Amino acid sequence: MENVRAILARNIKAARKLLDLSQEDLADRAQIDRTYVSGIERQVRNPTITVVAKFAEALGTTTADLLTDRSD
């Protein structure tokens, strides 16, 4: 099983790019600092489930979707 931080990072980045959002745009939507978005995408931050839920809402998806491994 792949590291959950890697799955989250990949899914957030993919959803962000699909919506043509910069890290700063996503941070604004989620009301989170831009450097935190970068840290999550680089897998150096370990966000709480509350933060993951904020990202999901900002990206128009679900928390479960952001945590689902689709690399198979």
Protein backbone atom coordinates (compact mmCIF):
# COMPACT_ATOMS: atom_id res chain seq x y z
CA MET A 1 0.00 0.00 0.00
CA GLU A 2 1.25 3.43 -0.92
CA ASN A 3 1.80 6.11 1.71
CA VAL A 4 -1.44 8.04 2.32
CA ARG A 5 0.45 11.36 2.08
CA ALA A 6 1.63 10.41 -1.42
CA ILE A 7 -1.92 9.53 -2.46
CA LEU A 8 -3.28 12.77 -1.03
CA ALA A 9 -0.53 14.83 -2.67
CA ARG A 10 -1.13 13.25 -6.08
CA ASN A 11 -4.91 13.64 -5.86
CA ILE A 12 -4.84 17.25 -4.68
CA LYS A 13 -2.38 18.23 -7.39
CA ALA A 14 -4.38 16.43 -10.10
CA ALA A 15 -7.67 18.00 -8.99
CA ARG A 16 -6.04 21.43 -8.74
CA LYS A 17 -4.58 21.15 -12.26
CA LEU A 18 -7.90 19.87 -13.65
CA LEU A 19 -9.53 23.07 -12.37
CA ASP A 20 -6.58 25.14 -13.65
CA LEU A 21 -5.85 26.46 -10.15
CA SER A 22 -2.49 27.58 -8.86
CA GLN A 23 -1.44 26.58 -5.37
CA GLU A 24 -2.24 30.13 -4.31
CA ASP A 25 -5.74 29.92 -5.84
CA LEU A 26 -6.41 26.66 -4.01
CA ALA A 27 -5.07 28.09 -0.77
CA ASP A 28 -7.41 31.07 -1.10
CA ARG A 29 -10.40 28.83 -1.78
CA ALA A 30 -9.58 26.56 1.17
CA GLN A 31 -8.57 29.46 3.43
CA ILE A 32 -5.18 27.86 4.05
CA ASP A 33 -1.69 29.31 3.64
CA ARG A 34 -0.16 28.76 0.19
CA THR A 35 3.02 27.33 1.65
CA TYR A 36 0.92 24.67 3.37
CA VAL A 37 -0.53 23.61 0.00
CA SER A 38 3.00 23.29 -1.34
CA GLY A 39 4.06 21.27 1.70
CA ILE A 40 1.20 18.84 1.24
CA GLU A 41 1.93 18.39 -2.47
CA ARG A 42 5.60 17.77 -1.62
CA GLN A 43 4.58 15.33 1.13
CA VAL A 44 6.40 17.21 3.88
CA ARG A 45 3.21 18.19 5.72
CA ASN A 46 0.83 15.87 7.51
CA PRO A 47 -2.57 17.61 7.36
CA THR A 48 -5.44 16.95 9.73
CA ILE A 49 -8.65 15.46 8.38
CA THR A 50 -10.22 18.91 8.84
CA VAL A 51 -7.67 20.40 6.44
CA VAL A 52 -8.24 17.58 3.95
CA ALA A 53 -11.98 18.32 4.13
CA LYS A 54 -11.30 22.01 3.39
CA PHE A 55 -9.31 21.01 0.32
CA ALA A 56 -12.07 18.66 -0.81
CA GLU A 57 -14.68 21.39 -0.54
CA ALA A 58 -12.44 23.90 -2.35
CA LEU A 59 -11.86 21.36 -5.15
CA GLY A 60 -15.50 20.31 -5.44
CA THR A 61 -14.84 16.73 -4.41
CA THR A 62 -15.00 14.60 -1.28
CA THR A 63 -12.49 13.84 1.43
CA ALA A 64 -12.75 10.15 0.56
CA ASP A 65 -11.96 10.90 -3.09
CA LEU A 66 -8.79 12.78 -2.13
CA LEU A 67 -7.66 9.78 -0.07
CA THR A 68 -8.47 7.10 -2.66
CA ASP A 69 -5.52 5.41 -4.37
CA ARG A 70 -6.09 5.28 -8.12
CA SER A 71 -2.57 4.28 -9.11
CA ASP A 72 -3.51 0.69 -10.01
